[in-house]
Amino acid sequence: MGWSQNLFRVLWRALSKEVKEQVGTDRFGNKYYYIPEYKNWRGQTIREKRIVESANKREIDYEVGDIPTEWEAWIRKTRKTPPTMEETMKNEKHKEEIKMKTKDFYEKEKLLREESSKEHLAPPVQTQIKGHASAPYFGKEESSVAPTSTGKTFQPGSWMPQDGKSHNQ
């Protein structure tokens, strides 16, 4: 922010009776302020405000997780009292423990799945392909030279002439 904006903000607070009191800081260096409800110079009631001043002053550098969950709940007014440093540190430790436990759980689960899949699967069978299943000699050692069908069970391609001559001429 420019110096002119800071000057304007200071003057506005002085004229509007806005009193900002710091209620805490977090481990990232963010500062949290509370402005109680007040009446401005025109007699209007201004609701209470909860503000965070980021340690990282530029908005483009803000990332999700820069504000701890407890402080975010206070800013959004889902909790009445600001969190203590001990409470925040306790919750951070708890989150790390949960991360470690879930990591261990998934690793154990992966090992169990690998072991159970090895136990339940049959070993691969060696197969030999001896022709197409629609061929009359499928599964037989060799196809016969003699006709194998009658008119009722005739299958095209099941018989070839013995002398190798084509009858289409």
N, C-alpha and C. Protein backbone atom coordinates (compact mmCIF):
# COMPACT_ATOMS: atom_id res chain seq x y z
N MET A 1 0.84 -1.18 0.00
CA MET A 1 0.00 0.00 0.00
C MET A 1 0.87 1.23 0.00
N GLY A 2 0.35 2.24 -0.62
CA GLY A 2 1.09 3.50 -0.66
C GLY A 2 0.94 4.29 0.62
N TRP A 3 1.79 5.26 0.80
CA TRP A 3 1.74 6.06 2.02
C TRP A 3 0.47 6.88 2.09
N SER A 4 -0.09 7.24 0.93
CA SER A 4 -1.32 8.04 0.93
C SER A 4 -2.51 7.21 1.43
N GLN A 5 -2.52 5.95 1.07
CA GLN A 5 -3.62 5.09 1.55
C GLN A 5 -3.51 4.88 3.06
N ASN A 6 -2.31 4.69 3.55
CA ASN A 6 -2.13 4.54 5.00
C ASN A 6 -2.55 5.79 5.75
N LEU A 7 -2.22 6.95 5.21
CA LEU A 7 -2.60 8.21 5.83
C LEU A 7 -4.12 8.35 5.85
N PHE A 8 -4.76 8.03 4.73
CA PHE A 8 -6.22 8.09 4.66
C PHE A 8 -6.85 7.14 5.68
N ARG A 9 -6.31 5.94 5.79
CA ARG A 9 -6.85 4.96 6.74
C ARG A 9 -6.72 5.45 8.18
N VAL A 10 -5.61 6.05 8.54
CA VAL A 10 -5.40 6.58 9.90
C VAL A 10 -6.39 7.70 10.18
N LEU A 11 -6.55 8.61 9.21
CA LEU A 11 -7.51 9.71 9.40
C LEU A 11 -8.94 9.19 9.52
N TRP A 12 -9.29 8.20 8.70
CA TRP A 12 -10.64 7.64 8.74
C TRP A 12 -10.92 7.01 10.10
N ARG A 13 -9.96 6.27 10.63
CA ARG A 13 -10.16 5.64 11.94
C ARG A 13 -10.30 6.68 13.04
N ALA A 14 -9.54 7.76 12.93
CA ALA A 14 -9.62 8.82 13.94
C ALA A 14 -10.99 9.50 13.91
N LEU A 15 -11.52 9.73 12.72
CA LEU A 15 -12.81 10.39 12.60
C LEU A 15 -13.98 9.45 12.89
N SER A 16 -13.84 8.18 12.58
CA SER A 16 -14.96 7.26 12.72
C SER A 16 -15.00 6.56 14.07
N LYS A 17 -14.09 6.86 14.95
CA LYS A 17 -14.02 6.26 16.28
C LYS A 17 -13.78 4.75 16.20
N GLU A 18 -13.16 4.31 15.13
CA GLU A 18 -12.86 2.90 14.96
C GLU A 18 -11.60 2.58 15.76
N VAL A 19 -11.74 1.74 16.77
CA VAL A 19 -10.61 1.38 17.62
C VAL A 19 -10.27 -0.07 17.33
N LYS A 20 -9.06 -0.28 16.88
CA LYS A 20 -8.61 -1.62 16.50
C LYS A 20 -7.71 -2.14 17.61
N GLU A 21 -8.09 -3.28 18.19
CA GLU A 21 -7.25 -3.89 19.22
C GLU A 21 -6.73 -5.24 18.75
N GLN A 22 -5.44 -5.45 18.96
CA GLN A 22 -4.82 -6.70 18.52
C GLN A 22 -5.17 -7.79 19.53
N VAL A 23 -5.66 -8.92 19.01
CA VAL A 23 -6.04 -10.04 19.89
C VAL A 23 -5.07 -11.21 19.81
N GLY A 24 -4.19 -11.21 18.80
CA GLY A 24 -3.22 -12.30 18.74
C GLY A 24 -2.46 -12.35 17.45
N THR A 25 -1.49 -13.27 17.43
CA THR A 25 -0.72 -13.55 16.22
C THR A 25 -0.61 -15.06 16.09
N ASP A 26 -0.34 -15.51 14.88
CA ASP A 26 -0.16 -16.95 14.68
C ASP A 26 1.31 -17.25 14.38
N ARG A 27 1.60 -18.52 14.14
CA ARG A 27 2.99 -18.92 13.94
C ARG A 27 3.56 -18.43 12.61
N PHE A 28 2.70 -17.99 11.69
CA PHE A 28 3.15 -17.44 10.41
C PHE A 28 3.48 -15.96 10.51
N GLY A 29 3.10 -15.32 11.62
CA GLY A 29 3.34 -13.89 11.79
C GLY A 29 2.15 -13.03 11.44
N ASN A 30 1.02 -13.64 11.09
CA ASN A 30 -0.19 -12.88 10.80
C ASN A 30 -0.73 -12.29 12.09
N LYS A 31 -1.23 -11.04 12.02
CA LYS A 31 -1.78 -10.37 13.20
C LYS A 31 -3.29 -10.29 13.06
N TYR A 32 -3.98 -10.52 14.18
CA TYR A 32 -5.45 -10.54 14.18
C TYR A 32 -5.96 -9.42 15.07
N TYR A 33 -6.96 -8.69 14.54
CA TYR A 33 -7.50 -7.53 15.24
C TYR A 33 -9.01 -7.66 15.39
N TYR A 34 -9.50 -6.99 16.45
CA TYR A 34 -10.93 -6.94 16.73
C TYR A 34 -11.33 -5.48 16.83
N ILE A 35 -12.39 -5.13 16.11
CA ILE A 35 -12.96 -3.78 16.19
C ILE A 35 -14.37 -3.94 16.73
N PRO A 36 -14.63 -3.47 17.96
CA PRO A 36 -15.97 -3.65 18.53
C PRO A 36 -17.01 -2.77 17.82
N GLU A 37 -18.26 -3.10 18.05
CA GLU A 37 -19.36 -2.33 17.46
C GLU A 37 -19.29 -0.89 17.99
N TYR A 38 -19.54 0.07 17.11
CA TYR A 38 -19.49 1.49 17.51
C TYR A 38 -20.45 2.30 16.66
N LYS A 39 -20.68 3.55 17.11
CA LYS A 39 -21.51 4.49 16.35
C LYS A 39 -20.58 5.49 15.68
N ASN A 40 -20.79 5.71 14.38
CA ASN A 40 -19.94 6.66 13.67
C ASN A 40 -20.44 8.08 13.89
N TRP A 41 -19.82 9.06 13.26
CA TRP A 41 -20.14 10.47 13.47
C TRP A 41 -21.53 10.84 12.97
N ARG A 42 -22.13 9.97 12.11
CA ARG A 42 -23.49 10.23 11.63
C ARG A 42 -24.54 9.52 12.48
N GLY A 43 -24.10 8.79 13.49
CA GLY A 43 -25.04 8.10 14.37
C GLY A 43 -25.38 6.69 13.93
N GLN A 44 -24.75 6.22 12.89
CA GLN A 44 -25.00 4.86 12.41
C GLN A 44 -24.22 3.86 13.26
N THR A 45 -24.86 2.71 13.52
CA THR A 45 -24.19 1.65 14.27
C THR A 45 -23.41 0.78 13.30
N ILE A 46 -22.14 0.66 13.53
CA ILE A 46 -21.26 -0.15 12.70
C ILE A 46 -20.99 -1.45 13.46
N ARG A 47 -21.26 -2.56 12.77
CA ARG A 47 -21.07 -3.86 13.41
C ARG A 47 -19.61 -4.13 13.72
N GLU A 48 -19.41 -5.09 14.63
CA GLU A 48 -18.04 -5.48 14.98
C GLU A 48 -17.33 -6.08 13.77
N LYS A 49 -16.01 -5.97 13.75
CA LYS A 49 -15.21 -6.52 12.66
C LYS A 49 -14.07 -7.33 13.23
N ARG A 50 -13.69 -8.33 12.49
CA ARG A 50 -12.51 -9.13 12.82
C ARG A 50 -11.62 -9.11 11.59
N ILE A 51 -10.38 -8.69 11.79
CA ILE A 51 -9.49 -8.45 10.66
C ILE A 51 -8.19 -9.22 10.86
N VAL A 52 -7.62 -9.66 9.75
CA VAL A 52 -6.28 -10.25 9.77
C VAL A 52 -5.38 -9.41 8.88
N GLU A 53 -4.21 -9.09 9.41
CA GLU A 53 -3.18 -8.43 8.62
C GLU A 53 -2.13 -9.49 8.33
N SER A 54 -2.00 -9.81 7.09
CA SER A 54 -1.10 -10.87 6.69
C SER A 54 0.36 -10.46 6.88
N ALA A 55 1.18 -11.40 7.30
CA ALA A 55 2.61 -11.15 7.42
C ALA A 55 3.21 -10.94 6.04
N ASN A 56 2.59 -11.60 5.06
CA ASN A 56 3.00 -11.45 3.67
C ASN A 56 2.08 -10.39 3.07
N LYS A 57 2.58 -9.20 2.90
CA LYS A 57 1.74 -8.05 2.55
C LYS A 57 1.12 -8.10 1.16
N ARG A 58 1.73 -8.82 0.24
CA ARG A 58 1.19 -8.84 -1.12
C ARG A 58 0.16 -9.95 -1.27
N GLU A 59 -1.00 -9.61 -1.87
CA GLU A 59 -2.08 -10.57 -2.04
C GLU A 59 -1.70 -11.74 -2.93
N ILE A 60 -0.86 -11.48 -3.91
CA ILE A 60 -0.52 -12.55 -4.85
C ILE A 60 0.32 -13.63 -4.19
N ASP A 61 0.91 -13.33 -3.03
CA ASP A 61 1.72 -14.32 -2.34
C ASP A 61 0.91 -15.15 -1.36
N TYR A 62 -0.38 -14.85 -1.20
CA TYR A 62 -1.22 -15.59 -0.27
C TYR A 62 -1.56 -16.96 -0.83
N GLU A 63 -1.48 -17.96 0.02
CA GLU A 63 -1.86 -19.32 -0.38
C GLU A 63 -2.77 -19.91 0.68
N VAL A 64 -3.56 -20.88 0.27
CA VAL A 64 -4.45 -21.56 1.20
C VAL A 64 -3.59 -22.23 2.26
N GLY A 65 -3.98 -22.08 3.51
CA GLY A 65 -3.22 -22.67 4.60
C GLY A 65 -2.32 -21.66 5.28
N ASP A 66 -2.28 -20.41 4.76
CA ASP A 66 -1.48 -19.38 5.42
C ASP A 66 -2.12 -18.91 6.72
N ILE A 67 -3.40 -19.15 6.87
CA ILE A 67 -4.11 -18.81 8.11
C ILE A 67 -4.53 -20.13 8.76
N PRO A 68 -4.13 -20.36 10.02
CA PRO A 68 -4.54 -21.60 10.69
C PRO A 68 -6.06 -21.70 10.80
N THR A 69 -6.53 -22.93 10.85
CA THR A 69 -7.97 -23.20 10.87
C THR A 69 -8.67 -22.52 12.04
N GLU A 70 -8.04 -22.52 13.20
CA GLU A 70 -8.66 -21.93 14.39
C GLU A 70 -8.87 -20.43 14.22
N TRP A 71 -7.86 -19.76 13.64
CA TRP A 71 -7.99 -18.32 13.42
C TRP A 71 -9.00 -18.02 12.33
N GLU A 72 -9.06 -18.86 11.32
CA GLU A 72 -10.04 -18.64 10.26
C GLU A 72 -11.45 -18.78 10.82
N ALA A 73 -11.65 -19.73 11.73
CA ALA A 73 -12.97 -19.88 12.37
C ALA A 73 -13.32 -18.63 13.18
N TRP A 74 -12.33 -18.03 13.83
CA TRP A 74 -12.59 -16.81 14.60
C TRP A 74 -12.92 -15.66 13.67
N ILE A 75 -12.17 -15.51 12.58
CA ILE A 75 -12.43 -14.43 11.61
C ILE A 75 -13.84 -14.55 11.04
N ARG A 76 -14.27 -15.78 10.73
CA ARG A 76 -15.60 -16.00 10.14
C ARG A 76 -16.71 -16.04 11.18
N LYS A 77 -16.37 -15.82 12.42
CA LYS A 77 -17.31 -15.74 13.55
C LYS A 77 -18.02 -17.06 13.83
N THR A 78 -17.34 -18.18 13.54
CA THR A 78 -17.91 -19.47 13.92
C THR A 78 -17.42 -19.89 15.30
N ARG A 79 -16.48 -19.16 15.84
CA ARG A 79 -16.08 -19.32 17.24
C ARG A 79 -16.02 -17.93 17.87
N LYS A 80 -16.34 -17.86 19.15
CA LYS A 80 -16.45 -16.56 19.81
C LYS A 80 -15.11 -16.02 20.30
N THR A 81 -14.29 -16.90 20.85
CA THR A 81 -13.03 -16.43 21.42
C THR A 81 -11.86 -16.75 20.49
N PRO A 82 -10.88 -15.87 20.47
CA PRO A 82 -9.71 -16.16 19.62
C PRO A 82 -8.91 -17.33 20.20
N PRO A 83 -8.29 -18.12 19.35
CA PRO A 83 -7.54 -19.28 19.84
C PRO A 83 -6.23 -18.87 20.51
N THR A 84 -5.79 -19.73 21.41
CA THR A 84 -4.51 -19.49 22.06
C THR A 84 -3.40 -20.16 21.25
N MET A 85 -2.17 -19.77 21.51
CA MET A 85 -1.04 -20.35 20.81
C MET A 85 -0.92 -21.84 21.15
N GLU A 86 -1.20 -22.21 22.40
CA GLU A 86 -1.12 -23.61 22.82
C GLU A 86 -2.15 -24.46 22.07
N GLU A 87 -3.35 -23.92 21.93
CA GLU A 87 -4.40 -24.65 21.21
C GLU A 87 -4.01 -24.86 19.75
N THR A 88 -3.46 -23.82 19.13
CA THR A 88 -3.05 -23.93 17.73
C THR A 88 -1.93 -24.96 17.57
N MET A 89 -0.95 -24.93 18.46
CA MET A 89 0.17 -25.88 18.37
C MET A 89 -0.31 -27.31 18.62
N LYS A 90 -1.23 -27.48 19.57
CA LYS A 90 -1.79 -28.81 19.85
C LYS A 90 -2.51 -29.37 18.62
N ASN A 91 -3.29 -28.52 17.96
CA ASN A 91 -4.02 -28.96 16.75
C ASN A 91 -3.08 -29.26 15.60
N GLU A 92 -2.00 -28.50 15.45
CA GLU A 92 -1.00 -28.77 14.41
C GLU A 92 -0.33 -30.12 14.66
N LYS A 93 0.00 -30.40 15.91
CA LYS A 93 0.61 -31.68 16.26
C LYS A 93 -0.35 -32.83 15.96
N HIS A 94 -1.62 -32.63 16.28
CA HIS A 94 -2.64 -33.65 16.01
C HIS A 94 -2.77 -33.91 14.51
N LYS A 95 -2.75 -32.85 13.70
CA LYS A 95 -2.84 -33.01 12.24
C LYS A 95 -1.65 -33.82 11.71
N GLU A 96 -0.46 -33.55 12.22
CA GLU A 96 0.73 -34.30 11.78
C GLU A 96 0.62 -35.77 12.16
N GLU A 97 0.10 -36.05 13.35
CA GLU A 97 -0.08 -37.44 13.78
C GLU A 97 -1.08 -38.16 12.86
N ILE A 98 -2.15 -37.49 12.51
CA ILE A 98 -3.15 -38.08 11.62
C ILE A 98 -2.54 -38.35 10.25
N LYS A 99 -1.73 -37.44 9.73
CA LYS A 99 -1.07 -37.65 8.44
C LYS A 99 -0.18 -38.89 8.49
N MET A 100 0.59 -39.03 9.56
CA MET A 100 1.49 -40.18 9.69
C MET A 100 0.69 -41.48 9.79
N LYS A 101 -0.38 -41.48 10.57
CA LYS A 101 -1.20 -42.68 10.72
C LYS A 101 -1.85 -43.08 9.40
N THR A 102 -2.36 -42.12 8.65
CA THR A 102 -2.98 -42.47 7.37
C THR A 102 -1.95 -42.98 6.38
N LYS A 103 -0.76 -42.42 6.40
CA LYS A 103 0.30 -42.89 5.52
C LYS A 103 0.66 -44.35 5.87
N ASP A 104 0.82 -44.63 7.16
CA ASP A 104 1.11 -46.01 7.60
C ASP A 104 -0.02 -46.96 7.21
N PHE A 105 -1.25 -46.50 7.41
CA PHE A 105 -2.41 -47.34 7.08
C PHE A 105 -2.42 -47.71 5.60
N TYR A 106 -2.21 -46.73 4.72
CA TYR A 106 -2.24 -47.00 3.28
C TYR A 106 -1.08 -47.90 2.85
N GLU A 107 0.07 -47.74 3.49
CA GLU A 107 1.19 -48.62 3.15
C GLU A 107 0.89 -50.07 3.57
N LYS A 108 0.34 -50.25 4.77
CA LYS A 108 -0.02 -51.60 5.23
C LYS A 108 -1.10 -52.20 4.34
N GLU A 109 -2.08 -51.39 3.98
CA GLU A 109 -3.18 -51.85 3.12
C GLU A 109 -2.65 -52.28 1.75
N LYS A 110 -1.71 -51.54 1.22
CA LYS A 110 -1.12 -51.88 -0.07
C LYS A 110 -0.38 -53.22 0.02
N LEU A 111 0.39 -53.43 1.08
CA LEU A 111 1.10 -54.70 1.26
C LEU A 111 0.13 -55.86 1.40
N LEU A 112 -0.94 -55.67 2.17
CA LEU A 112 -1.94 -56.73 2.33
C LEU A 112 -2.60 -57.07 1.00
N ARG A 113 -2.92 -56.07 0.20
CA ARG A 113 -3.53 -56.33 -1.09
C ARG A 113 -2.59 -57.11 -2.01
N GLU A 114 -1.31 -56.75 -1.99
CA GLU A 114 -0.35 -57.45 -2.83
C GLU A 114 -0.21 -58.91 -2.40
N GLU A 115 -0.15 -59.16 -1.08
CA GLU A 115 -0.02 -60.53 -0.57
C GLU A 115 -1.27 -61.35 -0.88
N SER A 116 -2.45 -60.76 -0.67
CA SER A 116 -3.68 -61.52 -0.91
C SER A 116 -3.89 -61.80 -2.40
N SER A 117 -3.45 -60.89 -3.26
CA SER A 117 -3.62 -61.14 -4.69
C SER A 117 -2.69 -62.27 -5.14
N LYS A 118 -1.52 -62.39 -4.53
CA LYS A 118 -0.61 -63.47 -4.87
C LYS A 118 -1.15 -64.82 -4.42
N GLU A 119 -1.81 -64.84 -3.27
CA GLU A 119 -2.34 -66.09 -2.71
C GLU A 119 -3.55 -66.59 -3.49
N HIS A 120 -4.43 -65.71 -3.93
CA HIS A 120 -5.69 -66.11 -4.54
C HIS A 120 -5.62 -66.36 -6.04
N LEU A 121 -4.61 -65.88 -6.69
CA LEU A 121 -4.53 -66.06 -8.13
C LEU A 121 -3.87 -67.39 -8.46
N ALA A 122 -4.44 -68.09 -9.43
CA ALA A 122 -3.85 -69.35 -9.89
C ALA A 122 -2.64 -69.01 -10.76
N PRO A 123 -1.68 -69.91 -10.80
CA PRO A 123 -0.52 -69.63 -11.66
C PRO A 123 -0.95 -69.62 -13.12
N PRO A 124 -0.29 -68.86 -13.94
CA PRO A 124 -0.68 -68.77 -15.35
C PRO A 124 -0.50 -70.12 -16.06
N VAL A 125 -1.43 -70.44 -16.94
CA VAL A 125 -1.42 -71.71 -17.66
C VAL A 125 -0.84 -71.46 -19.04
N GLN A 126 0.02 -72.38 -19.49
CA GLN A 126 0.57 -72.28 -20.83
C GLN A 126 -0.46 -72.82 -21.82
N THR A 127 -0.85 -72.03 -22.76
CA THR A 127 -1.83 -72.46 -23.75
C THR A 127 -1.18 -72.57 -25.11
N GLN A 128 -1.69 -73.52 -25.90
CA GLN A 128 -1.20 -73.68 -27.26
C GLN A 128 -2.35 -73.42 -28.21
N ILE A 129 -2.10 -72.58 -29.17
CA ILE A 129 -3.13 -72.26 -30.14
C ILE A 129 -2.88 -73.13 -31.37
N LYS A 130 -3.90 -73.94 -31.73
CA LYS A 130 -3.74 -74.88 -32.84
C LYS A 130 -4.68 -74.55 -33.99
N GLY A 131 -5.22 -73.40 -34.03
CA GLY A 131 -6.12 -73.05 -35.11
C GLY A 131 -7.28 -72.23 -34.58
N HIS A 132 -8.16 -71.92 -35.45
CA HIS A 132 -9.32 -71.14 -35.05
C HIS A 132 -10.41 -72.06 -34.54
N ALA A 133 -11.18 -71.64 -33.58
CA ALA A 133 -12.19 -72.48 -32.96
C ALA A 133 -13.30 -72.86 -33.93
N SER A 134 -13.51 -72.11 -34.99
CA SER A 134 -14.57 -72.46 -35.93
C SER A 134 -14.12 -73.52 -36.94
N ALA A 135 -12.84 -73.78 -36.98
CA ALA A 135 -12.34 -74.80 -37.90
C ALA A 135 -12.73 -76.19 -37.40
N PRO A 136 -13.07 -77.14 -38.32
CA PRO A 136 -13.50 -78.47 -37.87
C PRO A 136 -12.36 -79.27 -37.24
N TYR A 137 -11.14 -78.90 -37.48
CA TYR A 137 -10.03 -79.65 -36.92
C TYR A 137 -9.45 -78.97 -35.68
N PHE A 138 -10.18 -78.04 -35.04
CA PHE A 138 -9.69 -77.35 -33.86
C PHE A 138 -9.46 -78.36 -32.74
N GLY A 139 -8.30 -78.35 -32.20
CA GLY A 139 -7.95 -79.25 -31.10
C GLY A 139 -7.43 -80.59 -31.57
N LYS A 140 -7.54 -80.92 -32.86
CA LYS A 140 -7.03 -82.18 -33.39
C LYS A 140 -5.60 -81.97 -33.84
N GLU A 141 -4.88 -83.03 -33.99
CA GLU A 141 -3.49 -82.93 -34.40
C GLU A 141 -3.37 -82.40 -35.82
N GLU A 142 -4.06 -83.02 -36.77
CA GLU A 142 -3.99 -82.59 -38.17
C GLU A 142 -5.38 -82.68 -38.78
N SER A 143 -5.58 -81.91 -39.80
CA SER A 143 -6.85 -82.02 -40.50
C SER A 143 -6.78 -83.22 -41.44
N SER A 144 -7.90 -83.89 -41.62
CA SER A 144 -7.91 -85.08 -42.49
C SER A 144 -8.06 -84.68 -43.94
N VAL A 145 -7.61 -85.53 -44.82
CA VAL A 145 -7.70 -85.26 -46.25
C VAL A 145 -9.06 -85.68 -46.78
N ALA A 146 -9.65 -86.68 -46.20
CA ALA A 146 -10.95 -87.19 -46.64
C ALA A 146 -12.05 -86.26 -46.17
N PRO A 147 -13.16 -86.23 -46.95
CA PRO A 147 -14.28 -85.41 -46.50
C PRO A 147 -14.80 -85.90 -45.16
N THR A 148 -15.12 -84.96 -44.27
CA THR A 148 -15.57 -85.33 -42.93
C THR A 148 -17.01 -85.01 -42.68
N SER A 149 -17.69 -84.51 -43.68
CA SER A 149 -19.07 -84.12 -43.41
C SER A 149 -19.99 -84.65 -44.49
N THR A 150 -21.23 -84.70 -44.15
CA THR A 150 -22.26 -85.06 -45.12
C THR A 150 -22.99 -83.79 -45.49
N GLY A 151 -23.98 -83.88 -46.28
CA GLY A 151 -24.74 -82.70 -46.70
C GLY A 151 -25.43 -82.00 -45.56
N LYS A 152 -25.81 -82.78 -44.56
CA LYS A 152 -26.54 -82.18 -43.44
C LYS A 152 -25.62 -81.39 -42.51
N THR A 153 -24.38 -81.83 -42.37
CA THR A 153 -23.46 -81.17 -41.44
C THR A 153 -22.29 -80.51 -42.16
N PHE A 154 -22.48 -80.20 -43.44
CA PHE A 154 -21.41 -79.63 -44.24
C PHE A 154 -20.96 -78.29 -43.69
N GLN A 155 -19.65 -78.12 -43.63
CA GLN A 155 -19.06 -76.85 -43.24
C GLN A 155 -18.13 -76.41 -44.36
N PRO A 156 -18.26 -75.21 -44.84
CA PRO A 156 -17.41 -74.73 -45.93
C PRO A 156 -15.94 -74.75 -45.50
N GLY A 157 -15.08 -75.20 -46.43
CA GLY A 157 -13.66 -75.22 -46.17
C GLY A 157 -13.19 -76.46 -45.43
N SER A 158 -14.09 -77.40 -45.17
CA SER A 158 -13.68 -78.59 -44.43
C SER A 158 -13.09 -79.68 -45.33
N TRP A 159 -13.30 -79.57 -46.64
CA TRP A 159 -12.77 -80.60 -47.55
C TRP A 159 -12.07 -79.94 -48.71
N MET A 160 -10.92 -80.47 -49.07
CA MET A 160 -10.16 -79.99 -50.22
C MET A 160 -9.95 -81.17 -51.16
N PRO A 161 -9.97 -80.95 -52.47
CA PRO A 161 -9.73 -82.07 -53.41
C PRO A 161 -8.33 -82.66 -53.20
N GLN A 162 -8.24 -83.97 -53.41
CA GLN A 162 -6.98 -84.67 -53.16
C GLN A 162 -5.89 -84.32 -54.16
N ASP A 163 -6.24 -84.10 -55.41
CA ASP A 163 -5.22 -83.85 -56.41
C ASP A 163 -4.78 -82.38 -56.46
N GLY A 164 -5.41 -81.53 -55.69
CA GLY A 164 -5.03 -80.14 -55.64
C GLY A 164 -5.53 -79.33 -56.81
N LYS A 165 -6.35 -79.92 -57.69
CA LYS A 165 -6.89 -79.19 -58.85
C LYS A 165 -8.11 -78.39 -58.41
N SER A 166 -8.26 -77.27 -59.02
CA SER A 166 -9.41 -76.45 -58.72
C SER A 166 -10.53 -76.82 -59.66
N HIS A 167 -11.75 -76.98 -59.17
CA HIS A 167 -12.89 -77.37 -59.97
C HIS A 167 -13.65 -76.16 -60.50
N ASN A 168 -13.14 -74.99 -60.33
CA ASN A 168 -13.81 -73.77 -60.76
C ASN A 168 -13.50 -73.43 -62.22
N GLN A 169 -12.65 -74.17 -62.92
CA GLN A 169 -12.26 -73.85 -64.28
C GLN A 169 -13.24 -74.33 -65.29
